[in-house]
PDB file of N, CA and C in Angstrom:
ATOM      1  N   MET A   1       0.825  -1.199   0.000  1.00  0.00           N
ATOM      2  CA  MET A   1       0.000   0.000   0.000  1.00  0.00           C
ATOM      3  C   MET A   1       0.871   1.266   0.000  1.00  0.00           C
ATOM      4  N   ARG A   2       1.943   1.240   0.822  1.00  0.00           N
ATOM      5  CA  ARG A   2       2.848   2.391   0.869  1.00  0.00           C
ATOM      6  C   ARG A   2       3.499   2.618  -0.486  1.00  0.00           C
ATOM      7  N   ARG A   3       3.825   1.539  -1.150  1.00  0.00           N
ATOM      8  CA  ARG A   3       4.475   1.648  -2.455  1.00  0.00           C
ATOM      9  C   ARG A   3       3.555   2.313  -3.480  1.00  0.00           C
ATOM     10  N   VAL A   4       2.293   1.921  -3.492  1.00  0.00           N
ATOM     11  CA  VAL A   4       1.308   2.516  -4.399  1.00  0.00           C
ATOM     12  C   VAL A   4       1.163   4.001  -4.087  1.00  0.00           C
ATOM     13  N   PHE A   5       1.088   4.328  -2.814  1.00  0.00           N
ATOM     14  CA  PHE A   5       0.969   5.728  -2.409  1.00  0.00           C
ATOM     15  C   PHE A   5       2.200   6.520  -2.836  1.00  0.00           C
ATOM     16  N   ALA A   6       3.393   5.962  -2.666  1.00  0.00           N
ATOM     17  CA  ALA A   6       4.629   6.639  -3.058  1.00  0.00           C
ATOM     18  C   ALA A   6       4.678   6.875  -4.567  1.00  0.00           C
ATOM     19  N   ILE A   7       4.257   5.897  -5.337  1.00  0.00           N
ATOM     20  CA  ILE A   7       4.229   6.050  -6.799  1.00  0.00           C
ATOM     21  C   ILE A   7       3.232   7.132  -7.200  1.00  0.00           C
ATOM     22  N   LEU A   8       2.063   7.097  -6.584  1.00  0.00           N
ATOM     23  CA  LEU A   8       1.039   8.099  -6.880  1.00  0.00           C
ATOM     24  C   LEU A   8       1.537   9.502  -6.521  1.00  0.00           C
ATOM     25  N   LEU A   9       2.138   9.640  -5.356  1.00  0.00           N
ATOM     26  CA  LEU A   9       2.650  10.929  -4.919  1.00  0.00           C
ATOM     27  C   LEU A   9       3.767  11.426  -5.846  1.00  0.00           C
ATOM     28  N   SER A  10       4.635  10.535  -6.255  1.00  0.00           N
ATOM     29  CA  SER A  10       5.708  10.899  -7.180  1.00  0.00           C
ATOM     30  C   SER A  10       5.160  11.370  -8.513  1.00  0.00           C
ATOM     31  N   THR A  11       4.149  10.681  -9.011  1.00  0.00           N
ATOM     32  CA  THR A  11       3.527  11.045 -10.286  1.00  0.00           C
ATOM     33  C   THR A  11       2.915  12.436 -10.202  1.00  0.00           C
ATOM     34  N   VAL A  12       2.194  12.711  -9.128  1.00  0.00           N
ATOM     35  CA  VAL A  12       1.570  14.027  -8.939  1.00  0.00           C
ATOM     36  C   VAL A  12       2.654  15.100  -8.834  1.00  0.00           C
ATOM     37  N   PHE A  13       3.722  14.835  -8.090  1.00  0.00           N
ATOM     38  CA  PHE A  13       4.808  15.791  -7.927  1.00  0.00           C
ATOM     39  C   PHE A  13       5.473  16.102  -9.266  1.00  0.00           C
ATOM     40  N   LEU A  14       5.783  15.068 -10.052  1.00  0.00           N
ATOM     41  CA  LEU A  14       6.420  15.284 -11.353  1.00  0.00           C
ATOM     42  C   LEU A  14       5.503  16.046 -12.301  1.00  0.00           C
ATOM     43  N   ALA A  15       4.230  15.709 -12.287  1.00  0.00           N
ATOM     44  CA  ALA A  15       3.270  16.409 -13.158  1.00  0.00           C
ATOM     45  C   ALA A  15       3.183  17.881 -12.779  1.00  0.00           C
ATOM     46  N   SER A  16       3.216  18.188 -11.490  1.00  0.00           N
ATOM     47  CA  SER A  16       3.136  19.590 -11.069  1.00  0.00           C
ATOM     48  C   SER A  16       4.411  20.340 -11.447  1.00  0.00           C
ATOM     49  N   LEU A  17       5.561  19.685 -11.383  1.00  0.00           N
ATOM     50  CA  LEU A  17       6.805  20.324 -11.814  1.00  0.00           C
ATOM     51  C   LEU A  17       6.778  20.641 -13.295  1.00  0.00           C
ATOM     52  N   MET A  18       6.254  19.720 -14.088  1.00  0.00           N
ATOM     53  CA  MET A  18       6.169  19.946 -15.532  1.00  0.00           C
ATOM     54  C   MET A  18       5.208  21.087 -15.825  1.00  0.00           C
ATOM     55  N   ALA A  19       4.118  21.173 -15.082  1.00  0.00           N
ATOM     56  CA  ALA A  19       3.113  22.203 -15.321  1.00  0.00           C
ATOM     57  C   ALA A  19       3.636  23.587 -14.966  1.00  0.00           C
ATOM     58  N   VAL A  20       4.553  23.693 -14.006  1.00  0.00           N
ATOM     59  CA  VAL A  20       5.089  24.990 -13.616  1.00  0.00           C
ATOM     60  C   VAL A  20       5.807  25.646 -14.790  1.00  0.00           C
ATOM     61  N   GLY A  21       6.514  24.876 -15.581  1.00  0.00           N
ATOM     62  CA  GLY A  21       7.251  25.412 -16.715  1.00  0.00           C
ATOM     63  C   GLY A  21       6.376  25.771 -17.894  1.00  0.00           C
ATOM     64  N   GLU A  22       5.172  25.227 -17.951  1.00  0.00           N
ATOM     65  CA  GLU A  22       4.282  25.497 -19.070  1.00  0.00           C
ATOM     66  C   GLU A  22       3.429  26.713 -18.770  1.00  0.00           C
ATOM     67  N   GLN A  23       3.213  27.516 -19.780  1.00  0.00           N
ATOM     68  CA  GLN A  23       2.338  28.656 -19.634  1.00  0.00           C
ATOM     69  C   GLN A  23       1.020  28.297 -20.301  1.00  0.00           C
ATOM     70  N   VAL A  24      -0.023  28.160 -19.510  1.00  0.00           N
ATOM     71  CA  VAL A  24      -1.316  27.770 -20.037  1.00  0.00           C
ATOM     72  C   VAL A  24      -2.118  29.026 -20.324  1.00  0.00           C
ATOM     73  N   LYS A  25      -2.438  29.226 -21.588  1.00  0.00           N
ATOM     74  CA  LYS A  25      -3.195  30.397 -22.008  1.00  0.00           C
ATOM     75  C   LYS A  25      -4.658  29.990 -22.150  1.00  0.00           C
ATOM     76  N   PRO A  26      -5.560  30.756 -21.555  1.00  0.00           N
ATOM     77  CA  PRO A  26      -6.980  30.409 -21.694  1.00  0.00           C
ATOM     78  C   PRO A  26      -7.424  30.473 -23.158  1.00  0.00           C
ATOM     79  N   PHE A  27      -8.402  29.658 -23.485  1.00  0.00           N
ATOM     80  CA  PHE A  27      -8.950  29.667 -24.839  1.00  0.00           C
ATOM     81  C   PHE A  27      -9.612  31.018 -25.111  1.00  0.00           C
ATOM     82  N   THR A  28      -9.771  31.344 -26.388  1.00  0.00           N
ATOM     83  CA  THR A  28     -10.396  32.602 -26.793  1.00  0.00           C
ATOM     84  C   THR A  28     -11.766  32.759 -26.148  1.00  0.00           C
ATOM     85  N   ALA A  29     -12.570  31.704 -26.145  1.00  0.00           N
ATOM     86  CA  ALA A  29     -13.907  31.768 -25.553  1.00  0.00           C
ATOM     87  C   ALA A  29     -13.831  32.074 -24.060  1.00  0.00           C
ATOM     88  N   ASP A  30     -12.858  31.505 -23.360  1.00  0.00           N
ATOM     89  CA  ASP A  30     -12.705  31.754 -21.925  1.00  0.00           C
ATOM     90  C   ASP A  30     -12.326  33.214 -21.659  1.00  0.00           C
ATOM     91  N   ARG A  31     -11.461  33.770 -22.505  1.00  0.00           N
ATOM     92  CA  ARG A  31     -11.070  35.172 -22.332  1.00  0.00           C
ATOM     93  C   ARG A  31     -12.269  36.090 -22.576  1.00  0.00           C
ATOM     94  N   HIS A  32     -13.093  35.755 -23.552  1.00  0.00           N
ATOM     95  CA  HIS A  32     -14.284  36.554 -23.819  1.00  0.00           C
ATOM     96  C   HIS A  32     -15.293  36.424 -22.678  1.00  0.00           C
ATOM     97  N   LYS A  33     -15.452  35.231 -22.139  1.00  0.00           N
ATOM     98  CA  LYS A  33     -16.369  35.010 -21.014  1.00  0.00           C
ATOM     99  C   LYS A  33     -15.920  35.823 -19.801  1.00  0.00           C
ATOM    100  N   ALA A  34     -14.601  35.867 -19.561  1.00  0.00           N
ATOM    101  CA  ALA A  34     -14.064  36.638 -18.437  1.00  0.00           C
ATOM    102  C   ALA A  34     -14.358  38.128 -18.582  1.00  0.00           C
ATOM    103  N   LEU A  35     -14.557  38.583 -19.811  1.00  0.00           N
ATOM    104  CA  LEU A  35     -14.896  39.982 -20.071  1.00  0.00           C
ATOM    105  C   LEU A  35     -16.398  40.249 -19.981  1.00  0.00           C
ATOM    106  N   GLY A  36     -17.171  39.190 -19.677  1.00  0.00           N
ATOM    107  CA  GLY A  36     -18.609  39.353 -19.502  1.00  0.00           C
ATOM    108  C   GLY A  36     -19.454  39.017 -20.710  1.00  0.00           C
ATOM    109  N   LEU A  37     -18.847  38.498 -21.772  1.00  0.00           N
ATOM    110  CA  LEU A  37     -19.619  38.116 -22.957  1.00  0.00           C
ATOM    111  C   LEU A  37     -20.287  36.767 -22.744  1.00  0.00           C
ATOM    112  N   THR A  38     -21.384  36.558 -23.432  1.00  0.00           N
ATOM    113  CA  THR A  38     -22.091  35.283 -23.362  1.00  0.00           C
ATOM    114  C   THR A  38     -21.877  34.515 -24.666  1.00  0.00           C
ATOM    115  N   CYS A  39     -22.286  33.262 -24.684  1.00  0.00           N
ATOM    116  CA  CYS A  39     -22.180  32.449 -25.906  1.00  0.00           C
ATOM    117  C   CYS A  39     -22.918  33.135 -27.056  1.00  0.00           C
ATOM    118  N   ALA A  40     -24.108  33.677 -26.761  1.00  0.00           N
ATOM    119  CA  ALA A  40     -24.937  34.311 -27.791  1.00  0.00           C
ATOM    120  C   ALA A  40     -24.265  35.533 -28.394  1.00  0.00           C
ATOM    121  N   ASP A  41     -23.409  36.204 -27.637  1.00  0.00           N
ATOM    122  CA  ASP A  41     -22.731  37.385 -28.176  1.00  0.00           C
ATOM    123  C   ASP A  41     -21.888  37.042 -29.401  1.00  0.00           C
ATOM    124  N   CYS A  42     -21.310  35.859 -29.432  1.00  0.00           N
ATOM    125  CA  CYS A  42     -20.485  35.446 -30.567  1.00  0.00           C
ATOM    126  C   CYS A  42     -21.215  34.484 -31.503  1.00  0.00           C
ATOM    127  N   HIS A  43     -22.005  33.581 -30.934  1.00  0.00           N
ATOM    128  CA  HIS A  43     -22.643  32.526 -31.733  1.00  0.00           C
ATOM    129  C   HIS A  43     -24.063  32.856 -32.178  1.00  0.00           C
ATOM    130  N   GLY A  44     -24.668  33.894 -31.629  1.00  0.00           N
ATOM    131  CA  GLY A  44     -26.048  34.228 -31.953  1.00  0.00           C
ATOM    132  C   GLY A  44     -27.020  33.430 -31.097  1.00  0.00           C
ATOM    133  N   GLU A  45     -28.284  33.774 -31.207  1.00  0.00           N
ATOM    134  CA  GLU A  45     -29.341  33.094 -30.440  1.00  0.00           C
ATOM    135  C   GLU A  45     -29.780  31.828 -31.165  1.00  0.00           C
ATOM    136  N   GLY A  46     -30.459  30.952 -30.450  1.00  0.00           N
ATOM    137  CA  GLY A  46     -30.964  29.720 -31.050  1.00  0.00           C
ATOM    138  C   GLY A  46     -29.846  28.738 -31.308  1.00  0.00           C
ATOM    139  N   GLN A  47     -29.892  28.098 -32.460  1.00  0.00           N
ATOM    140  CA  GLN A  47     -28.845  27.133 -32.806  1.00  0.00           C
ATOM    141  C   GLN A  47     -27.525  27.869 -32.948  1.00  0.00           C
ATOM    142  N   LYS A  48     -26.535  27.391 -32.250  1.00  0.00           N
ATOM    143  CA  LYS A  48     -25.239  28.084 -32.210  1.00  0.00           C
ATOM    144  C   LYS A  48     -24.533  28.005 -33.562  1.00  0.00           C
ATOM    145  N   ALA A  49     -24.319  29.160 -34.167  1.00  0.00           N
ATOM    146  CA  ALA A  49     -23.638  29.239 -35.466  1.00  0.00           C
ATOM    147  C   ALA A  49     -22.132  29.311 -35.234  1.00  0.00           C
ATOM    148  N   PRO A  50     -21.346  28.763 -36.149  1.00  0.00           N
ATOM    149  CA  PRO A  50     -19.885  28.919 -36.028  1.00  0.00           C
ATOM    150  C   PRO A  50     -19.520  30.397 -36.112  1.00  0.00           C
ATOM    151  N   VAL A  51     -18.497  30.779 -35.383  1.00  0.00           N
ATOM    152  CA  VAL A  51     -18.045  32.169 -35.390  1.00  0.00           C
ATOM    153  C   VAL A  51     -17.146  32.398 -36.601  1.00  0.00           C
ATOM    154  N   THR A  52     -17.368  33.504 -37.278  1.00  0.00           N
ATOM    155  CA  THR A  52     -16.561  33.860 -38.448  1.00  0.00           C
ATOM    156  C   THR A  52     -15.722  35.089 -38.121  1.00  0.00           C
ATOM    157  N   GLY A  53     -14.747  35.360 -38.950  1.00  0.00           N
ATOM    158  CA  GLY A  53     -13.926  36.550 -38.781  1.00  0.00           C
ATOM    159  C   GLY A  53     -14.739  37.827 -38.839  1.00  0.00           C
ATOM    160  N   ASP A  54     -15.781  37.849 -39.657  1.00  0.00           N
ATOM    161  CA  ASP A  54     -16.644  39.027 -39.725  1.00  0.00           C
ATOM    162  C   ASP A  54     -17.299  39.297 -38.376  1.00  0.00           C
ATOM    163  N   LYS A  55     -17.688  38.229 -37.692  1.00  0.00           N
ATOM    164  CA  LYS A  55     -18.285  38.393 -36.365  1.00  0.00           C
ATOM    165  C   LYS A  55     -17.253  38.954 -35.400  1.00  0.00           C
ATOM    166  N   CYS A  56     -16.006  38.457 -35.473  1.00  0.00           N
ATOM    167  CA  CYS A  56     -14.935  38.977 -34.615  1.00  0.00           C
ATOM    168  C   CYS A  56     -14.756  40.475 -34.849  1.00  0.00           C
ATOM    169  N   LEU A  57     -14.727  40.858 -36.122  1.00  0.00           N
ATOM    170  CA  LEU A  57     -14.475  42.257 -36.467  1.00  0.00           C
ATOM    171  C   LEU A  57     -15.652  43.166 -36.143  1.00  0.00           C
ATOM    172  N   SER A  58     -16.832  42.594 -35.879  1.00  0.00           N
ATOM    173  CA  SER A  58     -17.956  43.437 -35.472  1.00  0.00           C
ATOM    174  C   SER A  58     -17.677  44.070 -34.104  1.00  0.00           C
ATOM    175  N   CYS A  59     -16.807  43.468 -33.305  1.00  0.00           N
ATOM    176  CA  CYS A  59     -16.378  44.066 -32.034  1.00  0.00           C
ATOM    177  C   CYS A  59     -14.965  44.632 -32.110  1.00  0.00           C
ATOM    178  N   HIS A  60     -14.084  43.912 -32.793  1.00  0.00           N
ATOM    179  CA  HIS A  60     -12.671  44.293 -32.828  1.00  0.00           C
ATOM    180  C   HIS A  60     -12.351  45.287 -33.943  1.00  0.00           C
ATOM    181  N   GLN A  61     -13.352  45.771 -34.654  1.00  0.00           N
ATOM    182  CA  GLN A  61     -13.311  46.841 -35.642  1.00  0.00           C
ATOM    183  C   GLN A  61     -12.664  46.467 -36.971  1.00  0.00           C
ATOM    184  N   SER A  62     -11.381  46.232 -37.013  1.00  0.00           N
ATOM    185  CA  SER A  62     -10.703  45.942 -38.279  1.00  0.00           C
ATOM    186  C   SER A  62      -9.373  45.266 -37.979  1.00  0.00           C
ATOM    187  N   TYR A  63      -8.786  44.670 -39.020  1.00  0.00           N
ATOM    188  CA  TYR A  63      -7.460  44.070 -38.848  1.00  0.00           C
ATOM    189  C   TYR A  63      -6.437  45.134 -38.461  1.00  0.00           C
ATOM    190  N   GLU A  64      -6.591  46.343 -39.010  1.00  0.00           N
ATOM    191  CA  GLU A  64      -5.667  47.427 -38.680  1.00  0.00           C
ATOM    192  C   GLU A  64      -5.728  47.758 -37.194  1.00  0.00           C
ATOM    193  N   GLU A  65      -6.944  47.805 -36.633  1.00  0.00           N
ATOM    194  CA  GLU A  65      -7.100  48.097 -35.206  1.00  0.00           C
ATOM    195  C   GLU A  65      -6.533  46.971 -34.341  1.00  0.00           C
ATOM    196  N   VAL A  66      -6.748  45.732 -34.751  1.00  0.00           N
ATOM    197  CA  VAL A  66      -6.194  44.595 -34.012  1.00  0.00           C
ATOM    198  C   VAL A  66      -4.670  44.648 -34.080  1.00  0.00           C
ATOM    199  N   ALA A  67      -4.125  44.986 -35.242  1.00  0.00           N
ATOM    200  CA  ALA A  67      -2.666  45.093 -35.406  1.00  0.00           C
ATOM    201  C   ALA A  67      -2.097  46.178 -34.497  1.00  0.00           C
ATOM    202  N   LYS A  68      -2.831  47.278 -34.293  1.00  0.00           N
ATOM    203  CA  LYS A  68      -2.367  48.330 -33.382  1.00  0.00           C
ATOM    204  C   LYS A  68      -2.277  47.804 -31.952  1.00  0.00           C
ATOM    205  N   ARG A  69      -3.234  46.955 -31.570  1.00  0.00           N
ATOM    206  CA  ARG A  69      -3.246  46.403 -30.202  1.00  0.00           C
ATOM    207  C   ARG A  69      -2.079  45.455 -29.964  1.00  0.00           C
ATOM    208  N   THR A  70      -1.521  44.885 -31.030  1.00  0.00           N
ATOM    209  CA  THR A  70      -0.417  43.937 -30.886  1.00  0.00           C
ATOM    210  C   THR A  70       0.873  44.475 -31.504  1.00  0.00           C
ATOM    211  N   GLN A  71       0.984  45.795 -31.602  1.00  0.00           N
ATOM    212  CA  GLN A  71       2.156  46.399 -32.239  1.00  0.00           C
ATOM    213  C   GLN A  71       3.446  46.189 -31.447  1.00  0.00           C
ATOM    214  N   ASP A  72       3.352  45.839 -30.161  1.00  0.00           N
ATOM    215  CA  ASP A  72       4.563  45.607 -29.379  1.00  0.00           C
ATOM    216  C   ASP A  72       5.054  44.161 -29.462  1.00  0.00           C
ATOM    217  N   ILE A  73       4.424  43.363 -30.306  1.00  0.00           N
ATOM    218  CA  ILE A  73       4.847  41.978 -30.521  1.00  0.00           C
ATOM    219  C   ILE A  73       5.595  41.908 -31.845  1.00  0.00           C
ATOM    220  N   HIS A  74       6.738  41.231 -31.827  1.00  0.00           N
ATOM    221  CA  HIS A  74       7.535  41.110 -33.054  1.00  0.00           C
ATOM    222  C   HIS A  74       7.740  39.643 -33.406  1.00  0.00           C
ATOM    223  N   PRO A  75       7.461  39.232 -34.621  1.00  0.00           N
ATOM    224  CA  PRO A  75       6.726  39.992 -35.626  1.00  0.00           C
ATOM    225  C   PRO A  75       5.266  40.127 -35.214  1.00  0.00           C
ATOM    226  N   ASN A  76       4.619  41.168 -35.676  1.00  0.00           N
ATOM    227  CA  ASN A  76       3.220  41.408 -35.315  1.00  0.00           C
ATOM    228  C   ASN A  76       2.350  40.345 -35.988  1.00  0.00           C
ATOM    229  N   PRO A  77       1.697  39.490 -35.199  1.00  0.00           N
ATOM    230  CA  PRO A  77       0.908  38.410 -35.793  1.00  0.00           C
ATOM    231  C   PRO A  77      -0.323  38.901 -36.564  1.00  0.00           C
ATOM    232  N   HIS A  78      -0.703  40.153 -36.343  1.00  0.00           N
ATOM    233  CA  HIS A  78      -1.896  40.676 -37.004  1.00  0.00           C
ATOM    234  C   HIS A  78      -1.565  41.669 -38.115  1.00  0.00           C
ATOM    235  N   SER A  79      -0.307  41.778 -38.473  1.00  0.00           N
ATOM    236  CA  SER A  79       0.095  42.658 -39.562  1.00  0.00           C
ATOM    237  C   SER A  79       1.175  41.940 -40.363  1.00  0.00           C
ATOM    238  N   ASN A  80       0.750  41.232 -41.388  1.00  0.00           N
ATOM    239  CA  ASN A  80       1.693  40.476 -42.214  1.00  0.00           C
ATOM    240  C   ASN A  80       1.080  40.217 -43.578  1.00  0.00           C
ATOM    241  N   HIS A  81       1.722  39.437 -44.375  1.00  0.00           N
ATOM    242  CA  HIS A  81       1.274  39.218 -45.751  1.00  0.00           C
ATOM    243  C   HIS A  81       0.006  38.380 -45.870  1.00  0.00           C
ATOM    244  N   LEU A  82      -0.478  37.783 -44.776  1.00  0.00           N
ATOM    245  CA  LEU A  82      -1.701  36.978 -44.851  1.00  0.00           C
ATOM    246  C   LEU A  82      -2.932  37.669 -44.287  1.00  0.00           C
ATOM    247  N   THR A  83      -2.753  38.485 -43.266  1.00  0.00           N
ATOM    248  CA  THR A  83      -3.919  39.113 -42.647  1.00  0.00           C
ATOM    249  C   THR A  83      -4.560  40.095 -43.609  1.00  0.00           C
ATOM    250  N   GLU A  84      -5.782  40.390 -43.351  1.00  0.00           N
ATOM    251  CA  GLU A  84      -6.623  41.289 -44.139  1.00  0.00           C
ATOM    252  C   GLU A  84      -7.205  40.631 -45.381  1.00  0.00           C
ATOM    253  N   ASN A  85      -6.418  39.910 -46.163  1.00  0.00           N
ATOM    254  CA  ASN A  85      -6.942  39.367 -47.415  1.00  0.00           C
ATOM    255  C   ASN A  85      -7.110  37.849 -47.415  1.00  0.00           C
ATOM    256  N   ASP A  86      -6.146  37.134 -46.879  1.00  0.00           N
ATOM    257  CA  ASP A  86      -6.126  35.689 -47.049  1.00  0.00           C
ATOM    258  C   ASP A  86      -6.515  34.882 -45.811  1.00  0.00           C
ATOM    259  N   LEU A  87      -6.362  35.445 -44.627  1.00  0.00           N
ATOM    260  CA  LEU A  87      -6.541  34.669 -43.410  1.00  0.00           C
ATOM    261  C   LEU A  87      -7.627  35.262 -42.544  1.00  0.00           C
ATOM    262  N   ASP A  88      -8.590  34.450 -42.208  1.00  0.00           N
ATOM    263  CA  ASP A  88      -9.673  34.819 -41.315  1.00  0.00           C
ATOM    264  C   ASP A  88      -9.182  34.712 -39.872  1.00  0.00           C
ATOM    265  N   CYS A  89      -9.786  35.435 -38.960  1.00  0.00           N
ATOM    266  CA  CYS A  89      -9.412  35.377 -37.538  1.00  0.00           C
ATOM    267  C   CYS A  89      -9.384  33.934 -37.025  1.00  0.00           C
ATOM    268  N   THR A  90     -10.329  33.142 -37.509  1.00  0.00           N
ATOM    269  CA  THR A  90     -10.450  31.762 -37.027  1.00  0.00           C
ATOM    270  C   THR A  90      -9.355  30.845 -37.574  1.00  0.00           C
ATOM    271  N   GLY A  91      -8.476  31.365 -38.424  1.00  0.00           N
ATOM    272  CA  GLY A  91      -7.330  30.589 -38.868  1.00  0.00           C
ATOM    273  C   GLY A  91      -6.360  30.327 -37.720  1.00  0.00           C
ATOM    274  N   CYS A  92      -6.342  31.224 -36.745  1.00  0.00           N
ATOM    275  CA  CYS A  92      -5.482  31.072 -35.564  1.00  0.00           C
ATOM    276  C   CYS A  92      -6.284  30.902 -34.271  1.00  0.00           C
ATOM    277  N   HIS A  93      -7.387  31.633 -34.172  1.00  0.00           N
ATOM    278  CA  HIS A  93      -8.192  31.644 -32.942  1.00  0.00           C
ATOM    279  C   HIS A  93      -9.376  30.693 -33.097  1.00  0.00           C
ATOM    280  N   HIS A  94      -9.366  29.629 -32.288  1.00  0.00           N
ATOM    281  CA  HIS A  94     -10.359  28.564 -32.446  1.00  0.00           C
ATOM    282  C   HIS A  94     -11.456  28.549 -31.390  1.00  0.00           C
ATOM    283  N   GLY A  95     -11.567  29.580 -30.606  1.00  0.00           N
ATOM    284  CA  GLY A  95     -12.671  29.684 -29.649  1.00  0.00           C
ATOM    285  C   GLY A  95     -12.558  28.737 -28.480  1.00  0.00           C
ATOM    286  N   HIS A  96     -12.991  27.509 -28.679  1.00  0.00           N
ATOM    287  CA  HIS A  96     -13.049  26.534 -27.592  1.00  0.00           C
ATOM    288  C   HIS A  96     -11.889  25.550 -27.619  1.00  0.00           C
ATOM    289  N   LYS A  97     -10.887  25.840 -28.421  1.00  0.00           N
ATOM    290  CA  LYS A  97      -9.661  25.036 -28.481  1.00  0.00           C
ATOM    291  C   LYS A  97      -8.474  26.000 -28.420  1.00  0.00           C
ATOM    292  N   ALA A  98      -7.305  25.456 -28.221  1.00  0.00           N
ATOM    293  CA  ALA A  98      -6.104  26.294 -28.146  1.00  0.00           C
ATOM    294  C   ALA A  98      -5.869  27.024 -29.465  1.00  0.00           C
ATOM    295  N   ASP A  99      -5.373  28.254 -29.352  1.00  0.00           N
ATOM    296  CA  ASP A  99      -4.991  29.015 -30.540  1.00  0.00           C
ATOM    297  C   ASP A  99      -3.881  28.267 -31.275  1.00  0.00           C
ATOM    298  N   GLN A 100      -3.802  28.503 -32.565  1.00  0.00           N
ATOM    299  CA  GLN A 100      -2.800  27.858 -33.408  1.00  0.00           C
ATOM    300  C   GLN A 100      -2.071  28.951 -34.172  1.00  0.00           C
ATOM    301  N   ILE A 101      -0.767  28.868 -34.230  1.00  0.00           N
ATOM    302  CA  ILE A 101       0.009  29.867 -34.967  1.00  0.00           C
ATOM    303  C   ILE A 101       0.035  29.439 -36.430  1.00  0.00           C
ATOM    304  N   TYR A 102      -0.848  30.031 -37.228  1.00  0.00           N
ATOM    305  CA  TYR A 102      -0.949  29.671 -38.637  1.00  0.00           C
ATOM    306  C   TYR A 102       0.351  29.964 -39.383  1.00  0.00           C
ATOM    307  N   CYS A 103       1.081  30.988 -38.948  1.00  0.00           N
ATOM    308  CA  CYS A 103       2.354  31.350 -39.600  1.00  0.00           C
ATOM    309  C   CYS A 103       3.319  30.171 -39.636  1.00  0.00           C
ATOM    310  N   SER A 104       3.237  29.302 -38.609  1.00  0.00           N
ATOM    311  CA  SER A 104       4.168  28.172 -38.543  1.00  0.00           C
ATOM    312  C   SER A 104       3.894  27.125 -39.617  1.00  0.00           C
ATOM    313  N   THR A 105       2.805  27.283 -40.354  1.00  0.00           N
ATOM    314  CA  THR A 105       2.534  26.398 -41.481  1.00  0.00           C
ATOM    315  C   THR A 105       3.669  26.495 -42.496  1.00  0.00           C
ATOM    316  N   CYS A 106       4.172  27.704 -42.719  1.00  0.00           N
ATOM    317  CA  CYS A 106       5.280  27.918 -43.667  1.00  0.00           C
ATOM    318  C   CYS A 106       6.583  28.303 -42.963  1.00  0.00           C
ATOM    319  N   HIS A 107       6.463  29.039 -41.871  1.00  0.00           N
ATOM    320  CA  HIS A 107       7.639  29.552 -41.165  1.00  0.00           C
ATOM    321  C   HIS A 107       7.885  28.703 -39.922  1.00  0.00           C
ATOM    322  N   SER A 108       8.591  27.600 -40.076  1.00  0.00           N
ATOM    323  CA  SER A 108       8.815  26.707 -38.942  1.00  0.00           C
ATOM    324  C   SER A 108       9.669  27.402 -37.880  1.00  0.00           C
ATOM    325  N   GLY A 109       9.299  27.157 -36.639  1.00  0.00           N
ATOM    326  CA  GLY A 109      10.056  27.720 -35.528  1.00  0.00           C
ATOM    327  C   GLY A 109       9.771  29.173 -35.231  1.00  0.00           C
ATOM    328  N   ILE A 110       8.759  29.752 -35.853  1.00  0.00           N
ATOM    329  CA  ILE A 110       8.446  31.160 -35.614  1.00  0.00           C
ATOM    330  C   ILE A 110       7.955  31.333 -34.179  1.00  0.00           C
ATOM    331  N   SER A 111       8.359  32.418 -33.568  1.00  0.00           N
ATOM    332  CA  SER A 111       7.856  32.747 -32.238  1.00  0.00           C
ATOM    333  C   SER A 111       7.632  34.248 -32.184  1.00  0.00           C
ATOM    334  N   PHE A 112       6.743  34.637 -31.323  1.00  0.00           N
ATOM    335  CA  PHE A 112       6.389  36.042 -31.182  1.00  0.00           C
ATOM    336  C   PHE A 112       6.885  36.528 -29.829  1.00  0.00           C
ATOM    337  N   LYS A 113       7.591  37.635 -29.832  1.00  0.00           N
ATOM    338  CA  LYS A 113       8.164  38.175 -28.605  1.00  0.00           C
ATOM    339  C   LYS A 113       7.689  39.612 -28.424  1.00  0.00           C
ATOM    340  N   ARG A 114       7.354  39.946 -27.169  1.00  0.00           N
ATOM    341  CA  ARG A 114       6.984  41.322 -26.848  1.00  0.00           C
ATOM    342  C   ARG A 114       8.223  42.177 -26.786  1.00  0.00           C
ATOM    343  N   ASN A 115       8.161  43.327 -27.440  1.00  0.00           N
ATOM    344  CA  ASN A 115       9.246  44.292 -27.349  1.00  0.00           C
ATOM    345  C   ASN A 115       9.185  44.944 -25.977  1.00  0.00           C
ATOM    346  N   PRO A 116      10.333  45.252 -25.368  1.00  0.00           N
ATOM    347  CA  PRO A 116      10.293  45.949 -24.076  1.00  0.00           C
ATOM    348  C   PRO A 116       9.685  47.325 -24.250  1.00  0.00           C
ATOM    349  N   PRO A 117       8.954  47.801 -23.232  1.00  0.00           N
ATOM    350  CA  PRO A 117       8.360  49.139 -23.362  1.00  0.00           C
ATOM    351  C   PRO A 117       9.445  50.197 -23.470  1.00  0.00           C
ATOM    352  N   THR A 118       9.169  51.213 -24.275  1.00  0.00           N
ATOM    353  CA  THR A 118      10.134  52.298 -24.441  1.00  0.00           C
ATOM    354  C   THR A 118       9.870  53.363 -23.393  1.00  0.00           C
ATOM    355  N   VAL A 119      10.923  53.925 -22.873  1.00  0.00           N
ATOM    356  CA  VAL A 119      10.817  54.954 -21.823  1.00  0.00           C
ATOM    357  C   VAL A 119      10.402  56.268 -22.467  1.00  0.00           C
ATOM    358  N   GLY A 120       9.481  56.960 -21.796  1.00  0.00           N
ATOM    359  CA  GLY A 120       9.067  58.274 -22.250  1.00  0.00           C
ATOM    360  C   GLY A 120       8.086  58.271 -23.396  1.00  0.00           C
ATOM    361  N   LYS A 121       7.494  57.125 -23.674  1.00  0.00           N
ATOM    362  CA  LYS A 121       6.545  57.066 -24.788  1.00  0.00           C
ATOM    363  C   LYS A 121       5.147  57.265 -24.290  1.00  0.00           C
TER     364      LYS A 121
END
């Protein structure tokens, strides 16, 4: 019995150590819910419709405005050769699943880094 308990405790301890190093980002739907939005705000009333980029932009205004909000990230994920014309918001943001970096489809190993804030700006 002690052995089973020791194995179980070790497993929980190792899992918690692994989780400390991981940064878990809430899903898009969870972030919207935390802001007070309901399912109907994005999916509509009645039968839940899939969310489209047009629906996203009804609140987020335009790709240009979204790009301004992420201007301190390099490269800016919302200002590139795919946004505006070829890629819908849902190409990266999946609502109830983890976001996916669509850029990595062609650009392997791409990562986005926040630029340090500039003094006096």
